[in-house]
C-alpha atoms as a PDB file:
ATOM      1  CA  UNK A   1      83.168 111.286 161.808  1.00  0.00           C
ATOM      2  CA  UNK A   2      82.851 115.035 161.405  1.00  0.00           C
ATOM      3  CA  UNK A   3      80.761 115.129 164.616  1.00  0.00           C
ATOM      4  CA  UNK A   4      83.499 113.346 166.568  1.00  0.00           C
ATOM      5  CA  UNK A   5      86.185 115.702 165.273  1.00  0.00           C
ATOM      6  CA  UNK A   6      84.173 118.756 166.284  1.00  0.00           C
ATOM      7  CA  UNK A   7      83.261 117.358 169.711  1.00  0.00           C
ATOM      8  CA  UNK A   8      86.884 116.491 170.530  1.00  0.00           C
ATOM      9  CA  UNK A   9      88.226 119.750 169.079  1.00  0.00           C
ATOM     10  CA  UNK A  10      90.600 117.906 166.747  1.00  0.00           C
ATOM     11  CA  UNK A  11      92.052 120.205 164.044  1.00  0.00           C
ATOM     12  CA  UNK A  12      91.142 119.179 160.490  1.00  0.00           C
ATOM     13  CA  UNK A  13      92.835 119.769 157.169  1.00  0.00           C
ATOM     14  CA  UNK A  14      91.137 121.664 154.400  1.00  0.00           C
ATOM     15  CA  UNK A  15      90.437 119.310 151.439  1.00  0.00           C
ATOM     16  CA  UNK A  16      92.634 121.434 149.159  1.00  0.00           C
ATOM     17  CA  UNK A  17      95.597 120.788 151.468  1.00  0.00           C
ATOM     18  CA  UNK A  18      95.348 117.014 151.119  1.00  0.00           C
ATOM     19  CA  UNK A  19      97.661 115.552 148.489  1.00  0.00           C
ATOM     20  CA  UNK A  20      96.546 112.264 146.995  1.00  0.00           C
ATOM     21  CA  UNK A  21      99.244 109.851 145.824  1.00  0.00           C
ATOM     22  CA  UNK A  22      99.936 110.218 142.132  1.00  0.00           C
ATOM     23  CA  UNK A  23      99.230 107.222 139.963  1.00  0.00           C
ATOM     24  CA  UNK A  24     102.274 106.066 138.093  1.00  0.00           C
ATOM     25  CA  UNK A  25     101.860 106.150 134.335  1.00  0.00           C
ATOM     26  CA  UNK A  26     101.434 102.761 132.732  1.00  0.00           C
ATOM     27  CA  UNK A  27     104.530 101.481 131.030  1.00  0.00           C
ATOM     28  CA  UNK A  28     104.093 100.048 127.574  1.00  0.00           C
ATOM     29  CA  UNK A  29     106.296  97.157 126.487  1.00  0.00           C
ATOM     30  CA  UNK A  30     106.640  96.926 122.721  1.00  0.00           C
ATOM     31  CA  UNK A  31     108.970  95.570 120.062  1.00  0.00           C
ATOM     32  CA  UNK A  32     110.910  97.686 117.612  1.00  0.00           C
ATOM     33  CA  UNK A  33     110.737  96.826 113.871  1.00  0.00           C
ATOM     34  CA  UNK A  34     113.891  94.688 113.943  1.00  0.00           C
ATOM     35  CA  UNK A  35     112.605  92.682 116.906  1.00  0.00           C
ATOM     36  CA  UNK A  36     109.220  92.214 115.227  1.00  0.00           C
ATOM     37  CA  UNK A  37     110.954  90.807 112.139  1.00  0.00           C
ATOM     38  CA  UNK A  38     112.983  88.392 114.265  1.00  0.00           C
ATOM     39  CA  UNK A  39     109.838  87.178 115.984  1.00  0.00           C
ATOM     40  CA  UNK A  40     107.786  86.803 112.802  1.00  0.00           C
ATOM     41  CA  UNK A  41     110.548  84.867 111.055  1.00  0.00           C
ATOM     42  CA  UNK A  42     111.177  82.449 113.930  1.00  0.00           C
ATOM     43  CA  UNK A  43     108.552  79.709 113.253  1.00  0.00           C
ATOM     44  CA  UNK A  44     109.670  76.850 111.018  1.00  0.00           C
ATOM     45  CA  UNK A  45     106.927  76.622 108.409  1.00  0.00           C
ATOM     46  CA  UNK A  46     107.722  73.139 107.088  1.00  0.00           C
ATOM     47  CA  UNK A  47     104.651  71.721 108.870  1.00  0.00           C
ATOM     48  CA  UNK A  48     101.098  72.875 109.524  1.00  0.00           C
ATOM     49  CA  UNK A  49     101.734  73.803 113.163  1.00  0.00           C
ATOM     50  CA  UNK A  50     104.642  76.059 112.227  1.00  0.00           C
ATOM     51  CA  UNK A  51     102.655  77.598 109.390  1.00  0.00           C
ATOM     52  CA  UNK A  52      99.776  78.229 111.793  1.00  0.00           C
ATOM     53  CA  UNK A  53     102.112  79.822 114.334  1.00  0.00           C
ATOM     54  CA  UNK A  54     103.618  82.173 111.737  1.00  0.00           C
ATOM     55  CA  UNK A  55     100.090  83.150 110.710  1.00  0.00           C
ATOM     56  CA  UNK A  56      99.100  83.803 114.327  1.00  0.00           C
ATOM     57  CA  UNK A  57     102.077  86.118 114.868  1.00  0.00           C
ATOM     58  CA  UNK A  58     101.470  87.959 111.592  1.00  0.00           C
ATOM     59  CA  UNK A  59      97.772  88.392 112.400  1.00  0.00           C
ATOM     60  CA  UNK A  60      98.401  89.706 115.917  1.00  0.00           C
ATOM     61  CA  UNK A  61     100.903  92.303 114.714  1.00  0.00           C
ATOM     62  CA  UNK A  62      98.811  93.253 111.673  1.00  0.00           C
ATOM     63  CA  UNK A  63      95.565  93.806 113.571  1.00  0.00           C
ATOM     64  CA  UNK A  64      96.328  94.600 117.213  1.00  0.00           C
ATOM     65  CA  UNK A  65      93.665  92.092 118.235  1.00  0.00           C
ATOM     66  CA  UNK A  66      93.170  91.108 121.849  1.00  0.00           C
ATOM     67  CA  UNK A  67      93.943  87.422 122.351  1.00  0.00           C
ATOM     68  CA  UNK A  68      90.278  86.751 123.198  1.00  0.00           C
ATOM     69  CA  UNK A  69      89.290  88.282 119.861  1.00  0.00           C
ATOM     70  CA  UNK A  70      91.860  86.227 117.968  1.00  0.00           C
ATOM     71  CA  UNK A  71      90.805  82.852 119.375  1.00  0.00           C
ATOM     72  CA  UNK A  72      87.140  83.535 118.599  1.00  0.00           C
ATOM     73  CA  UNK A  73      87.803  84.019 114.867  1.00  0.00           C
ATOM     74  CA  UNK A  74      86.225  81.623 112.388  1.00  0.00           C
ATOM     75  CA  UNK A  75      87.654  80.908 108.961  1.00  0.00           C
ATOM     76  CA  UNK A  76      84.527  82.118 107.117  1.00  0.00           C
ATOM     77  CA  UNK A  77      84.686  85.400 109.024  1.00  0.00           C
ATOM     78  CA  UNK A  78      87.797  86.663 107.233  1.00  0.00           C
ATOM     79  CA  UNK A  79      87.426  88.388 103.858  1.00  0.00           C
ATOM     80  CA  UNK A  80      90.825  87.857 102.267  1.00  0.00           C
ATOM     81  CA  UNK A  81      89.883  89.732  99.116  1.00  0.00           C
ATOM     82  CA  UNK A  82      89.033  92.884 101.053  1.00  0.00           C
ATOM     83  CA  UNK A  83      91.665  92.095 103.715  1.00  0.00           C
ATOM     84  CA  UNK A  84      89.276  92.807 106.569  1.00  0.00           C
ATOM     85  CA  UNK A  85      86.846  91.239 109.008  1.00  0.00           C
ATOM     86  CA  UNK A  86      84.562  92.216 111.857  1.00  0.00           C
ATOM     87  CA  UNK A  87      85.136  91.369 115.516  1.00  0.00           C
ATOM     88  CA  UNK A  88      83.139  91.805 118.681  1.00  0.00           C
ATOM     89  CA  UNK A  89      85.364  93.383 121.320  1.00  0.00           C
ATOM     90  CA  UNK A  90      84.899  94.521 124.901  1.00  0.00           C
ATOM     91  CA  UNK A  91      81.328  95.386 125.791  1.00  0.00           C
ATOM     92  CA  UNK A  92      80.164  93.525 122.659  1.00  0.00           C
ATOM     93  CA  UNK A  93      81.313  96.506 120.616  1.00  0.00           C
ATOM     94  CA  UNK A  94      81.682  95.665 116.930  1.00  0.00           C
ATOM     95  CA  UNK A  95      84.555  97.015 114.862  1.00  0.00           C
ATOM     96  CA  UNK A  96      86.192  96.369 111.516  1.00  0.00           C
ATOM     97  CA  UNK A  97      89.738  95.019 111.592  1.00  0.00           C
ATOM     98  CA  UNK A  98      92.159  95.325 108.687  1.00  0.00           C
ATOM     99  CA  UNK A  99      94.853  92.913 107.548  1.00  0.00           C
ATOM    100  CA  UNK A 100      98.222  93.859 106.143  1.00  0.00           C
ATOM    101  CA  UNK A 101      99.100  92.371 102.764  1.00  0.00           C
ATOM    102  CA  UNK A 102     101.568  90.047 104.490  1.00  0.00           C
ATOM    103  CA  UNK A 103      99.056  88.816 107.080  1.00  0.00           C
ATOM    104  CA  UNK A 104      96.416  88.181 104.404  1.00  0.00           C
ATOM    105  CA  UNK A 105      98.924  86.147 102.391  1.00  0.00           C
ATOM    106  CA  UNK A 106      99.886  84.044 105.404  1.00  0.00           C
ATOM    107  CA  UNK A 107      96.253  83.360 106.324  1.00  0.00           C
ATOM    108  CA  UNK A 108      95.547  82.289 102.748  1.00  0.00           C
ATOM    109  CA  UNK A 109      98.601  80.035 102.707  1.00  0.00           C
ATOM    110  CA  UNK A 110      97.675  78.499 106.063  1.00  0.00           C
ATOM    111  CA  UNK A 111      94.088  77.796 105.021  1.00  0.00           C
ATOM    112  CA  UNK A 112      95.200  76.254 101.736  1.00  0.00           C
ATOM    113  CA  UNK A 113      97.419  73.847 103.671  1.00  0.00           C
ATOM    114  CA  UNK A 114      94.573  72.702 105.909  1.00  0.00           C
ATOM    115  CA  UNK A 115      92.731  69.556 104.855  1.00  0.00           C
ATOM    116  CA  UNK A 116      89.902  69.892 107.364  1.00  0.00           C
ATOM    117  CA  UNK A 117      86.675  71.866 107.224  1.00  0.00           C
ATOM    118  CA  UNK A 118      86.620  72.899 110.865  1.00  0.00           C
ATOM    119  CA  UNK A 119      85.024  76.241 111.637  1.00  0.00           C
ATOM    120  CA  UNK A 120      87.722  77.848 113.865  1.00  0.00           C
ATOM    121  CA  UNK A 121      90.421  79.859 112.091  1.00  0.00           C
ATOM    122  CA  UNK A 122      93.201  78.650 114.385  1.00  0.00           C
ATOM    123  CA  UNK A 123      93.136  75.005 115.447  1.00  0.00           C
ATOM    124  CA  UNK A 124      95.358  72.686 117.470  1.00  0.00           C
ATOM    125  CA  UNK A 125      97.391  69.868 115.954  1.00  0.00           C
ATOM    126  CA  UNK A 126      97.742  67.721 119.068  1.00  0.00           C
ATOM    127  CA  UNK A 127      95.337  65.721 121.185  1.00  0.00           C
ATOM    128  CA  UNK A 128      92.138  63.968 120.178  1.00  0.00           C
ATOM    129  CA  UNK A 129      90.442  64.910 116.922  1.00  0.00           C
ATOM    130  CA  UNK A 130      86.978  66.434 117.247  1.00  0.00           C
ATOM    131  CA  UNK A 131      84.771  64.353 114.954  1.00  0.00           C
ATOM    132  CA  UNK A 132      81.998  66.913 114.940  1.00  0.00           C
ATOM    133  CA  UNK A 133      81.697  68.979 111.789  1.00  0.00           C
ATOM    134  CA  UNK A 134      82.166  72.315 113.553  1.00  0.00           C
ATOM    135  CA  UNK A 135      85.441  71.229 115.165  1.00  0.00           C
ATOM    136  CA  UNK A 136      84.791  73.608 118.037  1.00  0.00           C
ATOM    137  CA  UNK A 137      86.942  71.535 120.386  1.00  0.00           C
ATOM    138  CA  UNK A 138      89.836  71.954 117.942  1.00  0.00           C
ATOM    139  CA  UNK A 139      89.870  75.723 118.510  1.00  0.00           C
ATOM    140  CA  UNK A 140      93.043  77.077 120.107  1.00  0.00           C
ATOM    141  CA  UNK A 141      92.561  78.616 123.541  1.00  0.00           C
ATOM    142  CA  UNK A 142      93.888  81.972 124.723  1.00  0.00           C
ATOM    143  CA  UNK A 143      96.447  80.102 126.836  1.00  0.00           C
ATOM    144  CA  UNK A 144      97.620  78.199 123.762  1.00  0.00           C
ATOM    145  CA  UNK A 145      98.132  81.459 121.866  1.00  0.00           C
ATOM    146  CA  UNK A 146     100.113  82.867 124.792  1.00  0.00           C
ATOM    147  CA  UNK A 147     102.346  79.790 124.762  1.00  0.00           C
ATOM    148  CA  UNK A 148     102.902  80.157 121.005  1.00  0.00           C
ATOM    149  CA  UNK A 149     103.994  83.792 121.349  1.00  0.00           C
ATOM    150  CA  UNK A 150     106.214  83.085 124.365  1.00  0.00           C
ATOM    151  CA  UNK A 151     107.866  80.118 122.624  1.00  0.00           C
ATOM    152  CA  UNK A 152     108.973  82.125 119.597  1.00  0.00           C
ATOM    153  CA  UNK A 153     109.946  85.176 121.636  1.00  0.00           C
ATOM    154  CA  UNK A 154     112.388  83.008 123.592  1.00  0.00           C
ATOM    155  CA  UNK A 155     113.613  81.364 120.399  1.00  0.00           C
ATOM    156  CA  UNK A 156     114.261  84.820 118.924  1.00  0.00           C
ATOM    157  CA  UNK A 157     116.280  85.889 121.967  1.00  0.00           C
ATOM    158  CA  UNK A 158     114.143  88.973 122.564  1.00  0.00           C
ATOM    159  CA  UNK A 159     115.173  91.024 125.623  1.00  0.00           C
ATOM    160  CA  UNK A 160     111.678  91.376 127.109  1.00  0.00           C
ATOM    161  CA  UNK A 161     108.857  89.016 128.007  1.00  0.00           C
ATOM    162  CA  UNK A 162     106.545  88.967 125.000  1.00  0.00           C
ATOM    163  CA  UNK A 163     102.813  88.249 125.209  1.00  0.00           C
ATOM    164  CA  UNK A 164      99.988  88.658 122.686  1.00  0.00           C
ATOM    165  CA  UNK A 165      99.342  92.040 124.308  1.00  0.00           C
ATOM    166  CA  UNK A 166     102.941  93.056 123.600  1.00  0.00           C
ATOM    167  CA  UNK A 167     102.157  92.606 119.907  1.00  0.00           C
ATOM    168  CA  UNK A 168      99.027  94.721 120.381  1.00  0.00           C
ATOM    169  CA  UNK A 169     101.238  97.438 121.909  1.00  0.00           C
ATOM    170  CA  UNK A 170     103.727  97.038 119.058  1.00  0.00           C
ATOM    171  CA  UNK A 171     100.935  97.386 116.494  1.00  0.00           C
ATOM    172  CA  UNK A 172      99.719 100.659 118.018  1.00  0.00           C
ATOM    173  CA  UNK A 173     103.215 102.065 118.469  1.00  0.00           C
ATOM    174  CA  UNK A 174     104.174 101.182 114.896  1.00  0.00           C
ATOM    175  CA  UNK A 175     101.142 103.060 113.548  1.00  0.00           C
ATOM    176  CA  UNK A 176     101.690 106.165 115.678  1.00  0.00           C
ATOM    177  CA  UNK A 177     105.416 106.399 114.962  1.00  0.00           C
ATOM    178  CA  UNK A 178     104.630 106.076 111.250  1.00  0.00           C
ATOM    179  CA  UNK A 179     102.280 109.067 111.470  1.00  0.00           C
ATOM    180  CA  UNK A 180      98.811 107.631 112.150  1.00  0.00           C
ATOM    181  CA  UNK A 181      96.499 109.902 114.153  1.00  0.00           C
ATOM    182  CA  UNK A 182      95.565 108.775 117.630  1.00  0.00           C
ATOM    183  CA  UNK A 183      91.797 108.755 116.961  1.00  0.00           C
ATOM    184  CA  UNK A 184      92.239 106.235 114.144  1.00  0.00           C
ATOM    185  CA  UNK A 185      94.442 104.056 116.340  1.00  0.00           C
ATOM    186  CA  UNK A 186      91.806 104.256 119.078  1.00  0.00           C
ATOM    187  CA  UNK A 187      89.202 102.904 116.648  1.00  0.00           C
ATOM    188  CA  UNK A 188      91.474 100.122 115.414  1.00  0.00           C
ATOM    189  CA  UNK A 189      92.263  99.014 118.970  1.00  0.00           C
ATOM    190  CA  UNK A 190      88.616  99.161 120.000  1.00  0.00           C
ATOM    191  CA  UNK A 191      89.285 101.498 122.925  1.00  0.00           C
ATOM    192  CA  UNK A 192      86.180 103.059 124.432  1.00  0.00           C
ATOM    193  CA  UNK A 193      88.102 106.132 125.621  1.00  0.00           C
ATOM    194  CA  UNK A 194      90.867 108.116 123.932  1.00  0.00           C
ATOM    195  CA  UNK A 195      92.597 108.260 127.330  1.00  0.00           C
ATOM    196  CA  UNK A 196      93.344 104.545 127.082  1.00  0.00           C
ATOM    197  CA  UNK A 197      95.065 105.080 123.738  1.00  0.00           C
ATOM    198  CA  UNK A 198      97.029 108.095 124.988  1.00  0.00           C
ATOM    199  CA  UNK A 199      99.298 105.776 126.990  1.00  0.00           C
ATOM    200  CA  UNK A 200     101.161 105.273 123.701  1.00  0.00           C
ATOM    201  CA  UNK A 201     101.953 108.970 123.256  1.00  0.00           C
ATOM    202  CA  UNK A 202     104.703 108.717 125.896  1.00  0.00           C
ATOM    203  CA  UNK A 203     106.417 106.172 123.674  1.00  0.00           C
ATOM    204  CA  UNK A 204     105.966 108.110 120.444  1.00  0.00           C
ATOM    205  CA  UNK A 205     107.058 111.379 122.056  1.00  0.00           C
ATOM    206  CA  UNK A 206     110.263 109.673 123.145  1.00  0.00           C
ATOM    207  CA  UNK A 207     110.790 108.456 119.578  1.00  0.00           C
ATOM    208  CA  UNK A 208     110.182 111.935 118.174  1.00  0.00           C
ATOM    209  CA  UNK A 209     112.747 113.359 120.591  1.00  0.00           C
ATOM    210  CA  UNK A 210     115.302 110.849 119.302  1.00  0.00           C
ATOM    211  CA  UNK A 211     114.477 111.806 115.702  1.00  0.00           C
ATOM    212  CA  UNK A 212     114.873 115.496 116.554  1.00  0.00           C
ATOM    213  CA  UNK A 213     118.227 114.880 118.214  1.00  0.00           C
ATOM    214  CA  UNK A 214     119.492 112.792 115.298  1.00  0.00           C
ATOM    215  CA  UNK A 215     118.365 114.995 112.429  1.00  0.00           C
ATOM    216  CA  UNK A 216     117.898 118.606 113.525  1.00  0.00           C
ATOM    217  CA  UNK A 217     120.733 120.714 112.126  1.00  0.00           C
ATOM    218  CA  UNK A 218     121.233 122.712 115.333  1.00  0.00           C
ATOM    219  CA  UNK A 219     122.030 119.487 117.198  1.00  0.00           C
ATOM    220  CA  UNK A 220     125.051 118.840 114.989  1.00  0.00           C
ATOM    221  CA  UNK A 221     126.947 122.072 115.592  1.00  0.00           C
ATOM    222  CA  UNK A 222     130.199 122.232 117.454  1.00  0.00           C
END
């Protein structure tokens, strides 16, 4: 190519004169605390399916798990006394995940209500029963979890489309706004690079600006 340009005497631009298109920053959709409460309280827990769904929502918001990590959980994997468990994330990277007091209580309540001994933590309550001891075919799929989240988001009248990843975003944002350091949040999310986690700083910076405007004494003069 360079040979052709020289031969035909076509003027070329210096590399430092070429402007590459800027990548737009990723937008992060998340729920505020009031919206989270509306979502978490929306399942009717009078039956096992509703109790399971409440537990799923609580676990997603408490841990920031990816949906693939959530569906792979087994009931014997979760240490309710220590309120923690290990997961294998992207790239088979292991990390410890922590449960809030509320999430641990809901998991315990859900498991106590179950009369089966199936291995998966979250199981379906429709379709054919898997007669095998492991109950692997009873395990909820990622698509099933997405439907659960979407169902209750619509029931709650939330203004945005809510997915399991929205709850992951909400988990991270909640921690950062409450004062958690970004390195700790990176570890809890299982991000390989801090740059992936830094997408949330745009959100928290906006929140801090609102706090400054609302509470700084020099903003209230006049």
